[in-house]
Amino acid sequence: MSQGHAESSDEMLMVRYKRGDRDAFAELVRRYQRPLFNFSLRYVGKADLAADITQETFLRVVKRSADFKHESRFSTWLFAITRNLCIDELRRFKHGAHSPVETIDTRNELHRTPSSPRIDAEQSTVASEIRDCIVRAIDQLPEEQKEVFLLRQLGGVPFAEIALIVGIKENTVKSRMRYALERLQQELSEFEEYARALR
């Protein structure tokens, strides 16, 4: 792949893929596989299910490539597909006997703590407790706040695009994000001093 191709926008990669360039699709997968998995993991709570959703997202990109309209950003379209798949899976579980939320691996982008030789055993224990507390707090957010938080923090999706994905006004998106952050801050208040030191 040439340097020019490596720097291609997502939208240009989609154009190339629709013209038969398989390397372009491979690059899109490379760029988005981890963000989509992390988003799905936090949304549905199961690593194996998140992996399936990520795979299904890319399968739908292949099947629906002709539906992609180039006036919108590829990432917006992609996360919209993933979000819908997550919602579908959660609905399926609501009709079943078991919850999809089981043991969650917290070692993902949201909870990465920079390693430092100065962090002693006690601080490491607190850092682990903070990560676990964050996971629980996110899981307890109201669904509409949770999806906005995840799209913004794990997907890096701008507020205007989240509004398009979710189908609400941008101001409403920002309000939901603010409420989510306030709620998380309340949940983490007991760790505030340690959290500040670890940033």
C-alpha atoms as a PDB file:
ATOM      1  CA  MET A   1       0.000   0.000   0.000  1.00  0.00           C
ATOM      2  CA  SER A   2       1.456   3.361  -0.965  1.00  0.00           C
ATOM      3  CA  GLN A   3       1.840   6.252   1.454  1.00  0.00           C
ATOM      4  CA  GLY A   4      -0.936   8.079  -0.361  1.00  0.00           C
ATOM      5  CA  HIS A   5      -3.285   5.175   0.185  1.00  0.00           C
ATOM      6  CA  ALA A   6      -2.268   4.933   3.851  1.00  0.00           C
ATOM      7  CA  GLU A   7      -3.385   8.520   4.336  1.00  0.00           C
ATOM      8  CA  SER A   8      -6.667   8.125   2.470  1.00  0.00           C
ATOM      9  CA  SER A   9      -9.824   9.299   4.220  1.00  0.00           C
ATOM     10  CA  ASP A  10     -12.378   6.689   5.239  1.00  0.00           C
ATOM     11  CA  GLU A  11     -14.691   7.996   2.531  1.00  0.00           C
ATOM     12  CA  MET A  12     -12.024   7.618  -0.167  1.00  0.00           C
ATOM     13  CA  LEU A  13     -11.327   4.085   1.031  1.00  0.00           C
ATOM     14  CA  MET A  14     -15.024   3.292   0.593  1.00  0.00           C
ATOM     15  CA  VAL A  15     -14.923   4.679  -2.957  1.00  0.00           C
ATOM     16  CA  ARG A  16     -11.911   2.494  -3.718  1.00  0.00           C
ATOM     17  CA  TYR A  17     -13.560  -0.548  -2.113  1.00  0.00           C
ATOM     18  CA  LYS A  18     -16.709  -0.094  -4.186  1.00  0.00           C
ATOM     19  CA  ARG A  19     -14.457  -0.086  -7.256  1.00  0.00           C
ATOM     20  CA  GLY A  20     -13.070  -3.481  -6.237  1.00  0.00           C
ATOM     21  CA  ASP A  21     -10.050  -2.570  -4.088  1.00  0.00           C
ATOM     22  CA  ARG A  22     -10.001  -5.159  -1.292  1.00  0.00           C
ATOM     23  CA  ASP A  23      -6.980  -3.533   0.363  1.00  0.00           C
ATOM     24  CA  ALA A  24      -9.122  -0.452   0.962  1.00  0.00           C
ATOM     25  CA  PHE A  25     -11.627  -2.530   2.936  1.00  0.00           C
ATOM     26  CA  ALA A  26      -8.813  -4.182   4.915  1.00  0.00           C
ATOM     27  CA  GLU A  27      -7.595  -0.721   5.913  1.00  0.00           C
ATOM     28  CA  LEU A  28     -11.077   0.259   7.121  1.00  0.00           C
ATOM     29  CA  VAL A  29     -11.220  -2.911   9.224  1.00  0.00           C
ATOM     30  CA  ARG A  30      -7.778  -2.117  10.665  1.00  0.00           C
ATOM     31  CA  ARG A  31      -8.878   1.392  11.613  1.00  0.00           C
ATOM     32  CA  TYR A  32     -12.200   0.512  13.183  1.00  0.00           C
ATOM     33  CA  GLN A  33     -12.077  -3.054  14.493  1.00  0.00           C
ATOM     34  CA  ARG A  34     -10.814  -2.125  17.962  1.00  0.00           C
ATOM     35  CA  PRO A  35     -13.004   0.988  18.465  1.00  0.00           C
ATOM     36  CA  LEU A  36     -16.107  -0.940  17.364  1.00  0.00           C
ATOM     37  CA  PHE A  37     -15.263  -3.882  19.624  1.00  0.00           C
ATOM     38  CA  ASN A  38     -14.674  -1.610  22.641  1.00  0.00           C
ATOM     39  CA  PHE A  39     -17.916   0.247  21.967  1.00  0.00           C
ATOM     40  CA  SER A  40     -19.883  -3.003  21.608  1.00  0.00           C
ATOM     41  CA  LEU A  41     -18.259  -4.526  24.701  1.00  0.00           C
ATOM     42  CA  ARG A  42     -19.335  -1.638  26.901  1.00  0.00           C
ATOM     43  CA  TYR A  43     -22.786  -1.564  25.302  1.00  0.00           C
ATOM     44  CA  VAL A  44     -23.693  -5.252  25.572  1.00  0.00           C
ATOM     45  CA  GLY A  45     -21.293  -6.375  28.313  1.00  0.00           C
ATOM     46  CA  LYS A  46     -20.011  -9.637  26.785  1.00  0.00           C
ATOM     47  CA  ALA A  47     -16.731  -9.968  24.898  1.00  0.00           C
ATOM     48  CA  ASP A  48     -17.873 -12.827  22.662  1.00  0.00           C
ATOM     49  CA  LEU A  49     -21.064 -10.999  21.741  1.00  0.00           C
ATOM     50  CA  ALA A  50     -19.102  -7.784  21.108  1.00  0.00           C
ATOM     51  CA  ALA A  51     -16.798  -9.714  18.759  1.00  0.00           C
ATOM     52  CA  ASP A  52     -19.817 -11.085  16.879  1.00  0.00           C
ATOM     53  CA  ILE A  53     -21.350  -7.612  16.585  1.00  0.00           C
ATOM     54  CA  THR A  54     -18.065  -6.187  15.289  1.00  0.00           C
ATOM     55  CA  GLN A  55     -17.838  -8.921  12.666  1.00  0.00           C
ATOM     56  CA  GLU A  56     -21.477  -8.457  11.675  1.00  0.00           C
ATOM     57  CA  THR A  57     -20.926  -4.709  11.312  1.00  0.00           C
ATOM     58  CA  PHE A  58     -18.221  -5.272   8.705  1.00  0.00           C
ATOM     59  CA  LEU A  59     -20.349  -7.892   6.947  1.00  0.00           C
ATOM     60  CA  ARG A  60     -23.120  -5.306   6.674  1.00  0.00           C
ATOM     61  CA  VAL A  61     -20.662  -2.761   5.294  1.00  0.00           C
ATOM     62  CA  VAL A  62     -19.891  -5.274   2.541  1.00  0.00           C
ATOM     63  CA  LYS A  63     -23.559  -6.031   1.870  1.00  0.00           C
ATOM     64  CA  ARG A  64     -24.693  -2.406   2.044  1.00  0.00           C
ATOM     65  CA  SER A  65     -21.716  -0.602   0.531  1.00  0.00           C
ATOM     66  CA  ALA A  66     -23.993   0.739  -2.212  1.00  0.00           C
ATOM     67  CA  ASP A  67     -26.155   2.372   0.492  1.00  0.00           C
ATOM     68  CA  PHE A  68     -23.317   4.516   1.800  1.00  0.00           C
ATOM     69  CA  LYS A  69     -23.936   8.140   0.856  1.00  0.00           C
ATOM     70  CA  HIS A  70     -20.725  10.111   0.573  1.00  0.00           C
ATOM     71  CA  GLU A  71     -22.216  13.332   1.876  1.00  0.00           C
ATOM     72  CA  SER A  72     -22.006  11.793   5.364  1.00  0.00           C
ATOM     73  CA  ARG A  73     -18.950  10.545   7.221  1.00  0.00           C
ATOM     74  CA  PHE A  74     -18.125   6.858   7.035  1.00  0.00           C
ATOM     75  CA  SER A  75     -17.614   6.684  10.822  1.00  0.00           C
ATOM     76  CA  THR A  76     -21.129   7.996  11.436  1.00  0.00           C
ATOM     77  CA  TRP A  77     -22.624   5.335   9.167  1.00  0.00           C
ATOM     78  CA  LEU A  78     -20.431   2.616  10.714  1.00  0.00           C
ATOM     79  CA  PHE A  79     -21.252   3.406  14.342  1.00  0.00           C
ATOM     80  CA  ALA A  80     -24.939   3.696  13.456  1.00  0.00           C
ATOM     81  CA  ILE A  81     -24.820   0.101  12.170  1.00  0.00           C
ATOM     82  CA  THR A  82     -23.006  -1.086  15.305  1.00  0.00           C
ATOM     83  CA  ARG A  83     -25.364   0.765  17.648  1.00  0.00           C
ATOM     84  CA  ASN A  84     -28.403  -0.789  15.961  1.00  0.00           C
ATOM     85  CA  LEU A  85     -26.886  -4.271  16.238  1.00  0.00           C
ATOM     86  CA  CYS A  86     -26.184  -3.701  19.950  1.00  0.00           C
ATOM     87  CA  ILE A  87     -29.758  -2.552  20.539  1.00  0.00           C
ATOM     88  CA  ASP A  88     -31.087  -5.606  18.671  1.00  0.00           C
ATOM     89  CA  GLU A  89     -28.981  -7.934  20.835  1.00  0.00           C
ATOM     90  CA  LEU A  90     -30.111  -6.295  24.068  1.00  0.00           C
ATOM     91  CA  ARG A  91     -33.740  -6.615  22.963  1.00  0.00           C
ATOM     92  CA  ARG A  92     -33.197 -10.313  22.316  1.00  0.00           C
ATOM     93  CA  PHE A  93     -31.834 -10.774  25.832  1.00  0.00           C
ATOM     94  CA  LYS A  94     -34.735  -8.868  27.358  1.00  0.00           C
ATOM     95  CA  HIS A  95     -37.046 -11.515  25.911  1.00  0.00           C
ATOM     96  CA  GLY A  96     -34.829 -14.326  27.220  1.00  0.00           C
ATOM     97  CA  ALA A  97     -34.026 -15.581  30.675  1.00  0.00           C
ATOM     98  CA  HIS A  98     -30.448 -14.354  30.939  1.00  0.00           C
ATOM     99  CA  SER A  99     -28.838 -10.939  31.060  1.00  0.00           C
ATOM    100  CA  PRO A 100     -26.027 -10.269  28.580  1.00  0.00           C
ATOM    101  CA  VAL A 101     -24.038  -8.501  31.298  1.00  0.00           C
ATOM    102  CA  GLU A 102     -21.578 -10.916  32.823  1.00  0.00           C
ATOM    103  CA  THR A 103     -17.916 -10.619  33.727  1.00  0.00           C
ATOM    104  CA  ILE A 104     -16.431  -7.791  31.707  1.00  0.00           C
ATOM    105  CA  ASP A 105     -12.770  -7.433  30.801  1.00  0.00           C
ATOM    106  CA  THR A 106     -11.946  -3.876  31.829  1.00  0.00           C
ATOM    107  CA  ARG A 107      -8.629  -3.800  29.991  1.00  0.00           C
ATOM    108  CA  ASN A 108      -9.801  -1.660  27.098  1.00  0.00           C
ATOM    109  CA  GLU A 109      -9.237   1.861  25.840  1.00  0.00           C
ATOM    110  CA  LEU A 110     -11.614   3.475  28.319  1.00  0.00           C
ATOM    111  CA  HIS A 111      -9.796   2.213  31.389  1.00  0.00           C
ATOM    112  CA  ARG A 112      -6.147   2.252  30.368  1.00  0.00           C
ATOM    113  CA  THR A 113      -4.000   3.680  33.196  1.00  0.00           C
ATOM    114  CA  PRO A 114      -0.509   4.897  32.227  1.00  0.00           C
ATOM    115  CA  SER A 115       2.107   2.685  33.830  1.00  0.00           C
ATOM    116  CA  SER A 116       4.622   4.389  36.086  1.00  0.00           C
ATOM    117  CA  PRO A 117       7.358   2.937  38.315  1.00  0.00           C
ATOM    118  CA  ARG A 118       6.264   5.443  40.990  1.00  0.00           C
ATOM    119  CA  ILE A 119       2.826   3.880  41.426  1.00  0.00           C
ATOM    120  CA  ASP A 120       3.180   1.595  44.427  1.00  0.00           C
ATOM    121  CA  ALA A 121       1.091  -1.455  45.277  1.00  0.00           C
ATOM    122  CA  GLU A 122      -1.495   0.545  47.217  1.00  0.00           C
ATOM    123  CA  GLN A 123      -2.059   3.013  44.368  1.00  0.00           C
ATOM    124  CA  SER A 124      -2.260   0.136  41.866  1.00  0.00           C
ATOM    125  CA  THR A 125      -4.992  -1.454  43.983  1.00  0.00           C
ATOM    126  CA  VAL A 126      -6.895   1.841  44.069  1.00  0.00           C
ATOM    127  CA  ALA A 127      -6.467   2.255  40.296  1.00  0.00           C
ATOM    128  CA  SER A 128      -7.983  -1.209  39.814  1.00  0.00           C
ATOM    129  CA  GLU A 129     -10.885  -0.314  42.110  1.00  0.00           C
ATOM    130  CA  ILE A 130     -11.452   2.900  40.149  1.00  0.00           C
ATOM    131  CA  ARG A 131     -11.566   0.953  36.866  1.00  0.00           C
ATOM    132  CA  ASP A 132     -14.091  -1.484  38.324  1.00  0.00           C
ATOM    133  CA  CYS A 133     -16.149   1.395  39.699  1.00  0.00           C
ATOM    134  CA  ILE A 134     -16.138   3.109  36.287  1.00  0.00           C
ATOM    135  CA  VAL A 135     -17.362  -0.100  34.633  1.00  0.00           C
ATOM    136  CA  ARG A 136     -20.209  -0.471  37.132  1.00  0.00           C
ATOM    137  CA  ALA A 137     -21.123   3.213  36.874  1.00  0.00           C
ATOM    138  CA  ILE A 138     -21.272   3.115  33.071  1.00  0.00           C
ATOM    139  CA  ASP A 139     -23.376  -0.038  33.134  1.00  0.00           C
ATOM    140  CA  GLN A 140     -25.853   1.692  35.466  1.00  0.00           C
ATOM    141  CA  LEU A 141     -26.285   4.787  33.287  1.00  0.00           C
ATOM    142  CA  PRO A 142     -29.730   5.214  31.674  1.00  0.00           C
ATOM    143  CA  GLU A 143     -29.581   3.717  28.178  1.00  0.00           C
ATOM    144  CA  GLU A 144     -29.917   7.054  26.363  1.00  0.00           C
ATOM    145  CA  GLN A 145     -27.020   8.548  28.365  1.00  0.00           C
ATOM    146  CA  LYS A 146     -24.917   5.422  28.066  1.00  0.00           C
ATOM    147  CA  GLU A 147     -25.014   5.275  24.269  1.00  0.00           C
ATOM    148  CA  VAL A 148     -24.080   8.953  23.933  1.00  0.00           C
ATOM    149  CA  PHE A 149     -21.205   8.501  26.395  1.00  0.00           C
ATOM    150  CA  LEU A 150     -19.909   5.400  24.581  1.00  0.00           C
ATOM    151  CA  LEU A 151     -20.176   6.929  21.110  1.00  0.00           C
ATOM    152  CA  ARG A 152     -18.256   9.986  22.288  1.00  0.00           C
ATOM    153  CA  GLN A 153     -15.640   8.343  24.520  1.00  0.00           C
ATOM    154  CA  LEU A 154     -15.000   5.034  22.754  1.00  0.00           C
ATOM    155  CA  GLY A 155     -16.071   5.930  19.231  1.00  0.00           C
ATOM    156  CA  GLY A 156     -14.681   9.453  19.218  1.00  0.00           C
ATOM    157  CA  VAL A 157     -17.832  10.469  17.339  1.00  0.00           C
ATOM    158  CA  PRO A 158     -18.521  14.246  17.291  1.00  0.00           C
ATOM    159  CA  PHE A 159     -21.700  15.453  18.989  1.00  0.00           C
ATOM    160  CA  ALA A 160     -23.274  16.526  15.683  1.00  0.00           C
ATOM    161  CA  GLU A 161     -22.812  13.017  14.275  1.00  0.00           C
ATOM    162  CA  ILE A 162     -24.107  11.356  17.435  1.00  0.00           C
ATOM    163  CA  ALA A 163     -27.240  13.445  16.932  1.00  0.00           C
ATOM    164  CA  LEU A 164     -27.598  11.976  13.431  1.00  0.00           C
ATOM    165  CA  ILE A 165     -26.986   8.408  14.638  1.00  0.00           C
ATOM    166  CA  VAL A 166     -29.402   8.586  17.562  1.00  0.00           C
ATOM    167  CA  GLY A 167     -31.971  10.786  15.794  1.00  0.00           C
ATOM    168  CA  ILE A 168     -32.093  13.642  18.283  1.00  0.00           C
ATOM    169  CA  LYS A 169     -30.969  17.278  18.414  1.00  0.00           C
ATOM    170  CA  GLU A 170     -27.319  18.065  19.079  1.00  0.00           C
ATOM    171  CA  ASN A 171     -28.229  20.057  22.215  1.00  0.00           C
ATOM    172  CA  THR A 172     -30.022  16.980  23.558  1.00  0.00           C
ATOM    173  CA  VAL A 173     -26.895  14.896  22.891  1.00  0.00           C
ATOM    174  CA  LYS A 174     -24.785  17.384  24.853  1.00  0.00           C
ATOM    175  CA  SER A 175     -27.293  17.381  27.707  1.00  0.00           C
ATOM    176  CA  ARG A 176     -27.234  13.575  27.891  1.00  0.00           C
ATOM    177  CA  MET A 177     -23.442  13.614  27.879  1.00  0.00           C
ATOM    178  CA  ARG A 178     -23.388  16.190  30.675  1.00  0.00           C
ATOM    179  CA  TYR A 179     -25.828  14.143  32.787  1.00  0.00           C
ATOM    180  CA  ALA A 180     -23.768  10.998  32.168  1.00  0.00           C
ATOM    181  CA  LEU A 181     -20.555  12.721  33.247  1.00  0.00           C
ATOM    182  CA  GLU A 182     -22.240  14.170  36.350  1.00  0.00           C
ATOM    183  CA  ARG A 183     -23.562  10.756  37.294  1.00  0.00           C
ATOM    184  CA  LEU A 184     -20.177   9.113  36.776  1.00  0.00           C
ATOM    185  CA  GLN A 185     -18.527  11.855  38.824  1.00  0.00           C
ATOM    186  CA  GLN A 186     -20.928  11.176  41.703  1.00  0.00           C
ATOM    187  CA  GLU A 187     -20.195   7.446  41.532  1.00  0.00           C
ATOM    188  CA  LEU A 188     -16.453   8.104  41.602  1.00  0.00           C
ATOM    189  CA  SER A 189     -16.460  10.839  44.233  1.00  0.00           C
ATOM    190  CA  GLU A 190     -14.905   8.569  46.876  1.00  0.00           C
ATOM    191  CA  PHE A 191     -11.924   8.024  44.548  1.00  0.00           C
ATOM    192  CA  GLU A 192     -11.623  11.643  43.446  1.00  0.00           C
ATOM    193  CA  GLU A 193      -8.331  12.390  45.194  1.00  0.00           C
ATOM    194  CA  TYR A 194      -6.675   9.193  43.949  1.00  0.00           C
ATOM    195  CA  ALA A 195      -8.101   9.607  40.448  1.00  0.00           C
ATOM    196  CA  ARG A 196      -6.648  13.121  40.226  1.00  0.00           C
ATOM    197  CA  ALA A 197      -3.225  11.821  41.279  1.00  0.00           C
ATOM    198  CA  LEU A 198      -3.302   9.049  38.691  1.00  0.00           C
ATOM    199  CA  ARG A 199      -4.231  11.259  35.720  1.00  0.00           C
END
